[in-house]
Amino acid sequence: MIYPSIDKLLNLVQSKYKLVHLVSKRSAQIQETKQFQKSEKKYTSEKNIGRALEEIAEGLIHIK
């Protein structure tokens, strides 16, 4: 089971292609800056891609 679910994420982002683009940009940003939206211990995922997905699912990343 993938967390967060793709259904929940697609309710926030209308296109799966846009979602992939957002996650890849945020993941690269995390890799470069090591800055997170919440405490590192509060993430379910250990990888930056999973952390970016969690941030989008929780509404910590605002989508224009």
PDB file of N, CA and C in Angstrom:
ATOM      1  N   MET A   1       0.835  -1.181   0.000  1.00  0.00           N
ATOM      2  CA  MET A   1       0.000   0.000   0.000  1.00  0.00           C
ATOM      3  C   MET A   1       0.881   1.245   0.000  1.00  0.00           C
ATOM      4  N   ILE A   2       0.579   2.150  -0.883  1.00  0.00           N
ATOM      5  CA  ILE A   2       1.344   3.380  -0.999  1.00  0.00           C
ATOM      6  C   ILE A   2       0.708   4.447  -0.113  1.00  0.00           C
ATOM      7  N   TYR A   3       1.550   5.146   0.631  1.00  0.00           N
ATOM      8  CA  TYR A   3       1.066   6.259   1.444  1.00  0.00           C
ATOM      9  C   TYR A   3       1.710   7.527   0.949  1.00  0.00           C
ATOM     10  N   PRO A   4       1.010   8.538   0.729  1.00  0.00           N
ATOM     11  CA  PRO A   4      -0.446   8.689   0.691  1.00  0.00           C
ATOM     12  C   PRO A   4      -1.026   8.102  -0.602  1.00  0.00           C
ATOM     13  N   SER A   5      -2.315   7.806  -0.575  1.00  0.00           N
ATOM     14  CA  SER A   5      -2.932   7.141  -1.719  1.00  0.00           C
ATOM     15  C   SER A   5      -3.014   8.089  -2.916  1.00  0.00           C
ATOM     16  N   ILE A   6      -2.941   7.508  -4.093  1.00  0.00           N
ATOM     17  CA  ILE A   6      -2.994   8.289  -5.321  1.00  0.00           C
ATOM     18  C   ILE A   6      -4.347   8.975  -5.464  1.00  0.00           C
ATOM     19  N   ASP A   7      -5.408   8.357  -4.964  1.00  0.00           N
ATOM     20  CA  ASP A   7      -6.741   8.962  -5.043  1.00  0.00           C
ATOM     21  C   ASP A   7      -6.807  10.263  -4.253  1.00  0.00           C
ATOM     22  N   LYS A   8      -6.236  10.254  -3.076  1.00  0.00           N
ATOM     23  CA  LYS A   8      -6.221  11.462  -2.249  1.00  0.00           C
ATOM     24  C   LYS A   8      -5.403  12.568  -2.918  1.00  0.00           C
ATOM     25  N   LEU A   9      -4.283  12.191  -3.496  1.00  0.00           N
ATOM     26  CA  LEU A   9      -3.424  13.172  -4.148  1.00  0.00           C
ATOM     27  C   LEU A   9      -4.080  13.755  -5.400  1.00  0.00           C
ATOM     28  N   LEU A  10      -4.792  12.918  -6.152  1.00  0.00           N
ATOM     29  CA  LEU A  10      -5.436  13.408  -7.370  1.00  0.00           C
ATOM     30  C   LEU A  10      -6.642  14.294  -7.074  1.00  0.00           C
ATOM     31  N   ASN A  11      -7.154  14.256  -5.859  1.00  0.00           N
ATOM     32  CA  ASN A  11      -8.198  15.205  -5.458  1.00  0.00           C
ATOM     33  C   ASN A  11      -7.599  16.598  -5.258  1.00  0.00           C
ATOM     34  N   LEU A  12      -6.324  16.640  -4.925  1.00  0.00           N
ATOM     35  CA  LEU A  12      -5.641  17.915  -4.705  1.00  0.00           C
ATOM     36  C   LEU A  12      -5.012  18.465  -5.978  1.00  0.00           C
ATOM     37  N   VAL A  13      -4.509  17.572  -6.815  1.00  0.00           N
ATOM     38  CA  VAL A  13      -3.866  17.950  -8.080  1.00  0.00           C
ATOM     39  C   VAL A  13      -4.674  17.282  -9.191  1.00  0.00           C
ATOM     40  N   GLN A  14      -5.117  18.056 -10.157  1.00  0.00           N
ATOM     41  CA  GLN A  14      -6.035  17.547 -11.158  1.00  0.00           C
ATOM     42  C   GLN A  14      -5.405  16.582 -12.157  1.00  0.00           C
ATOM     43  N   SER A  15      -4.124  16.628 -12.344  1.00  0.00           N
ATOM     44  CA  SER A  15      -3.463  15.804 -13.348  1.00  0.00           C
ATOM     45  C   SER A  15      -2.339  14.997 -12.712  1.00  0.00           C
ATOM     46  N   LYS A  16      -2.253  13.723 -13.075  1.00  0.00           N
ATOM     47  CA  LYS A  16      -1.163  12.914 -12.533  1.00  0.00           C
ATOM     48  C   LYS A  16       0.194  13.363 -13.081  1.00  0.00           C
ATOM     49  N   TYR A  17       0.201  13.972 -14.267  1.00  0.00           N
ATOM     50  CA  TYR A  17       1.444  14.492 -14.829  1.00  0.00           C
ATOM     51  C   TYR A  17       1.924  15.716 -14.042  1.00  0.00           C
ATOM     52  N   LYS A  18       0.986  16.550 -13.648  1.00  0.00           N
ATOM     53  CA  LYS A  18       1.327  17.716 -12.830  1.00  0.00           C
ATOM     54  C   LYS A  18       1.813  17.259 -11.462  1.00  0.00           C
ATOM     55  N   LEU A  19       1.192  16.219 -10.938  1.00  0.00           N
ATOM     56  CA  LEU A  19       1.614  15.669  -9.651  1.00  0.00           C
ATOM     57  C   LEU A  19       3.053  15.173  -9.720  1.00  0.00           C
ATOM     58  N   VAL A  20       3.395  14.445 -10.761  1.00  0.00           N
ATOM     59  CA  VAL A  20       4.759  13.940 -10.928  1.00  0.00           C
ATOM     60  C   VAL A  20       5.744  15.100 -11.024  1.00  0.00           C
ATOM     61  N   HIS A  21       5.372  16.122 -11.760  1.00  0.00           N
ATOM     62  CA  HIS A  21       6.239  17.294 -11.909  1.00  0.00           C
ATOM     63  C   HIS A  21       6.465  17.978 -10.563  1.00  0.00           C
ATOM     64  N   LEU A  22       5.391  18.175  -9.803  1.00  0.00           N
ATOM     65  CA  LEU A  22       5.494  18.822  -8.496  1.00  0.00           C
ATOM     66  C   LEU A  22       6.350  18.013  -7.525  1.00  0.00           C
ATOM     67  N   VAL A  23       6.122  16.714  -7.507  1.00  0.00           N
ATOM     68  CA  VAL A  23       6.860  15.852  -6.588  1.00  0.00           C
ATOM     69  C   VAL A  23       8.339  15.820  -6.946  1.00  0.00           C
ATOM     70  N   SER A  24       8.651  15.759  -8.227  1.00  0.00           N
ATOM     71  CA  SER A  24      10.062  15.722  -8.616  1.00  0.00           C
ATOM     72  C   SER A  24      10.768  17.029  -8.273  1.00  0.00           C
ATOM     73  N   LYS A  25      10.086  18.163  -8.480  1.00  0.00           N
ATOM     74  CA  LYS A  25      10.691  19.457  -8.135  1.00  0.00           C
ATOM     75  C   LYS A  25      10.891  19.584  -6.626  1.00  0.00           C
ATOM     76  N   ARG A  26       9.886  19.188  -5.850  1.00  0.00           N
ATOM     77  CA  ARG A  26       9.991  19.293  -4.395  1.00  0.00           C
ATOM     78  C   ARG A  26      11.044  18.333  -3.852  1.00  0.00           C
ATOM     79  N   SER A  27      11.113  17.145  -4.417  1.00  0.00           N
ATOM     80  CA  SER A  27      12.107  16.170  -3.984  1.00  0.00           C
ATOM     81  C   SER A  27      13.528  16.687  -4.242  1.00  0.00           C
ATOM     82  N   ALA A  28      13.734  17.277  -5.397  1.00  0.00           N
ATOM     83  CA  ALA A  28      15.048  17.856  -5.711  1.00  0.00           C
ATOM     84  C   ALA A  28      15.365  19.020  -4.780  1.00  0.00           C
ATOM     85  N   GLN A  29      14.354  19.804  -4.451  1.00  0.00           N
ATOM     86  CA  GLN A  29      14.537  20.930  -3.544  1.00  0.00           C
ATOM     87  C   GLN A  29      14.928  20.444  -2.146  1.00  0.00           C
ATOM     88  N   ILE A  30      14.274  19.385  -1.689  1.00  0.00           N
ATOM     89  CA  ILE A  30      14.622  18.808  -0.387  1.00  0.00           C
ATOM     90  C   ILE A  30      16.060  18.308  -0.407  1.00  0.00           C
ATOM     91  N   GLN A  31      16.447  17.647  -1.491  1.00  0.00           N
ATOM     92  CA  GLN A  31      17.800  17.109  -1.621  1.00  0.00           C
ATOM     93  C   GLN A  31      18.851  18.213  -1.556  1.00  0.00           C
ATOM     94  N   GLU A  32      18.581  19.330  -2.215  1.00  0.00           N
ATOM     95  CA  GLU A  32      19.549  20.428  -2.269  1.00  0.00           C
ATOM     96  C   GLU A  32      19.636  21.207  -0.969  1.00  0.00           C
ATOM     97  N   THR A  33      18.481  21.542  -0.398  1.00  0.00           N
ATOM     98  CA  THR A  33      18.460  22.459   0.740  1.00  0.00           C
ATOM     99  C   THR A  33      18.376  21.787   2.100  1.00  0.00           C
ATOM    100  N   LYS A  34      17.922  20.536   2.128  1.00  0.00           N
ATOM    101  CA  LYS A  34      17.704  19.800   3.391  1.00  0.00           C
ATOM    102  C   LYS A  34      16.704  20.516   4.302  1.00  0.00           C
ATOM    103  N   GLN A  35      15.778  21.271   3.706  1.00  0.00           N
ATOM    104  CA  GLN A  35      14.731  21.953   4.470  1.00  0.00           C
ATOM    105  C   GLN A  35      13.414  21.223   4.272  1.00  0.00           C
ATOM    106  N   PHE A  36      12.744  20.938   5.382  1.00  0.00           N
ATOM    107  CA  PHE A  36      11.496  20.191   5.360  1.00  0.00           C
ATOM    108  C   PHE A  36      10.350  21.069   5.856  1.00  0.00           C
ATOM    109  N   GLN A  37       9.135  20.712   5.500  1.00  0.00           N
ATOM    110  CA  GLN A  37       7.953  21.447   5.937  1.00  0.00           C
ATOM    111  C   GLN A  37       7.552  21.080   7.362  1.00  0.00           C
ATOM    112  N   LYS A  38       7.964  19.916   7.810  1.00  0.00           N
ATOM    113  CA  LYS A  38       7.695  19.493   9.185  1.00  0.00           C
ATOM    114  C   LYS A  38       8.911  18.748   9.715  1.00  0.00           C
ATOM    115  N   SER A  39       8.875  18.356  10.951  1.00  0.00           N
ATOM    116  CA  SER A  39      10.000  17.667  11.568  1.00  0.00           C
ATOM    117  C   SER A  39      10.298  16.356  10.835  1.00  0.00           C
ATOM    118  N   GLU A  40      11.576  16.031  10.687  1.00  0.00           N
ATOM    119  CA  GLU A  40      11.965  14.815   9.966  1.00  0.00           C
ATOM    120  C   GLU A  40      11.380  13.554  10.594  1.00  0.00           C
ATOM    121  N   LYS A  41      11.203  13.554  11.885  1.00  0.00           N
ATOM    122  CA  LYS A  41      10.683  12.379  12.584  1.00  0.00           C
ATOM    123  C   LYS A  41       9.203  12.137  12.316  1.00  0.00           C
ATOM    124  N   LYS A  42       8.491  13.164  11.862  1.00  0.00           N
ATOM    125  CA  LYS A  42       7.052  13.043  11.639  1.00  0.00           C
ATOM    126  C   LYS A  42       6.685  12.496  10.259  1.00  0.00           C
ATOM    127  N   TYR A  43       7.668  12.295   9.400  1.00  0.00           N
ATOM    128  CA  TYR A  43       7.411  11.726   8.077  1.00  0.00           C
ATOM    129  C   TYR A  43       7.292  10.211   8.174  1.00  0.00           C
ATOM    130  N   THR A  44       6.389   9.652   7.397  1.00  0.00           N
ATOM    131  CA  THR A  44       6.263   8.203   7.310  1.00  0.00           C
ATOM    132  C   THR A  44       7.352   7.633   6.431  1.00  0.00           C
ATOM    133  N   SER A  45       7.653   8.321   5.344  1.00  0.00           N
ATOM    134  CA  SER A  45       8.647   7.871   4.376  1.00  0.00           C
ATOM    135  C   SER A  45      10.036   8.358   4.753  1.00  0.00           C
ATOM    136  N   GLU A  46      11.026   7.569   4.375  1.00  0.00           N
ATOM    137  CA  GLU A  46      12.410   7.957   4.612  1.00  0.00           C
ATOM    138  C   GLU A  46      13.031   8.631   3.393  1.00  0.00           C
ATOM    139  N   LYS A  47      12.412   8.443   2.225  1.00  0.00           N
ATOM    140  CA  LYS A  47      12.958   9.000   0.987  1.00  0.00           C
ATOM    141  C   LYS A  47      12.300  10.336   0.662  1.00  0.00           C
ATOM    142  N   ASN A  48      13.042  11.162  -0.061  1.00  0.00           N
ATOM    143  CA  ASN A  48      12.570  12.509  -0.377  1.00  0.00           C
ATOM    144  C   ASN A  48      11.320  12.519  -1.254  1.00  0.00           C
ATOM    145  N   ILE A  49      11.183  11.572  -2.146  1.00  0.00           N
ATOM    146  CA  ILE A  49       9.988  11.512  -2.993  1.00  0.00           C
ATOM    147  C   ILE A  49       8.758  11.240  -2.143  1.00  0.00           C
ATOM    148  N   GLY A  50       8.858  10.315  -1.228  1.00  0.00           N
ATOM    149  CA  GLY A  50       7.752  10.019  -0.323  1.00  0.00           C
ATOM    150  C   GLY A  50       7.435  11.193   0.578  1.00  0.00           C
ATOM    151  N   ARG A  51       8.449  11.878   1.019  1.00  0.00           N
ATOM    152  CA  ARG A  51       8.241  13.058   1.865  1.00  0.00           C
ATOM    153  C   ARG A  51       7.545  14.168   1.089  1.00  0.00           C
ATOM    154  N   ALA A  52       7.909  14.348  -0.180  1.00  0.00           N
ATOM    155  CA  ALA A  52       7.251  15.347  -1.018  1.00  0.00           C
ATOM    156  C   ALA A  52       5.783  14.983  -1.218  1.00  0.00           C
ATOM    157  N   LEU A  53       5.494  13.715  -1.425  1.00  0.00           N
ATOM    158  CA  LEU A  53       4.105  13.264  -1.562  1.00  0.00           C
ATOM    159  C   LEU A  53       3.311  13.524  -0.284  1.00  0.00           C
ATOM    160  N   GLU A  54       3.916  13.256   0.855  1.00  0.00           N
ATOM    161  CA  GLU A  54       3.259  13.504   2.135  1.00  0.00           C
ATOM    162  C   GLU A  54       2.964  14.993   2.323  1.00  0.00           C
ATOM    163  N   GLU A  55       3.893  15.840   1.949  1.00  0.00           N
ATOM    164  CA  GLU A  55       3.700  17.283   2.081  1.00  0.00           C
ATOM    165  C   GLU A  55       2.536  17.761   1.215  1.00  0.00           C
ATOM    166  N   ILE A  56       2.428  17.236   0.013  1.00  0.00           N
ATOM    167  CA  ILE A  56       1.324  17.615  -0.869  1.00  0.00           C
ATOM    168  C   ILE A  56       0.004  17.106  -0.291  1.00  0.00           C
ATOM    169  N   ALA A  57      -0.027  15.882   0.194  1.00  0.00           N
ATOM    170  CA  ALA A  57      -1.244  15.293   0.741  1.00  0.00           C
ATOM    171  C   ALA A  57      -1.742  16.059   1.969  1.00  0.00           C
ATOM    172  N   GLU A  58      -0.829  16.569   2.764  1.00  0.00           N
ATOM    173  CA  GLU A  58      -1.205  17.287   3.984  1.00  0.00           C
ATOM    174  C   GLU A  58      -1.460  18.771   3.743  1.00  0.00           C
ATOM    175  N   GLY A  59      -1.301  19.205   2.503  1.00  0.00           N
ATOM    176  CA  GLY A  59      -1.570  20.601   2.181  1.00  0.00           C
ATOM    177  C   GLY A  59      -0.462  21.563   2.564  1.00  0.00           C
ATOM    178  N   LEU A  60       0.721  21.039   2.784  1.00  0.00           N
ATOM    179  CA  LEU A  60       1.854  21.886   3.151  1.00  0.00           C
ATOM    180  C   LEU A  60       2.481  22.557   1.925  1.00  0.00           C
ATOM    181  N   ILE A  61       2.219  21.994   0.749  1.00  0.00           N
ATOM    182  CA  ILE A  61       2.669  22.564  -0.513  1.00  0.00           C
ATOM    183  C   ILE A  61       1.460  23.159  -1.195  1.00  0.00           C
ATOM    184  N   HIS A  62       1.512  24.434  -1.501  1.00  0.00           N
ATOM    185  CA  HIS A  62       0.397  25.113  -2.141  1.00  0.00           C
ATOM    186  C   HIS A  62       0.561  25.043  -3.662  1.00  0.00           C
ATOM    187  N   ILE A  63      -0.485  24.586  -4.320  1.00  0.00           N
ATOM    188  CA  ILE A  63      -0.451  24.393  -5.757  1.00  0.00           C
ATOM    189  C   ILE A  63      -1.188  25.517  -6.440  1.00  0.00           C
ATOM    190  N   LYS A  64      -0.514  26.168  -7.392  1.00  0.00           N
ATOM    191  CA  LYS A  64      -1.130  27.280  -8.127  1.00  0.00           C
ATOM    192  C   LYS A  64      -1.821  26.781  -9.359  1.00  0.00           C
TER     193      LYS A  64
END
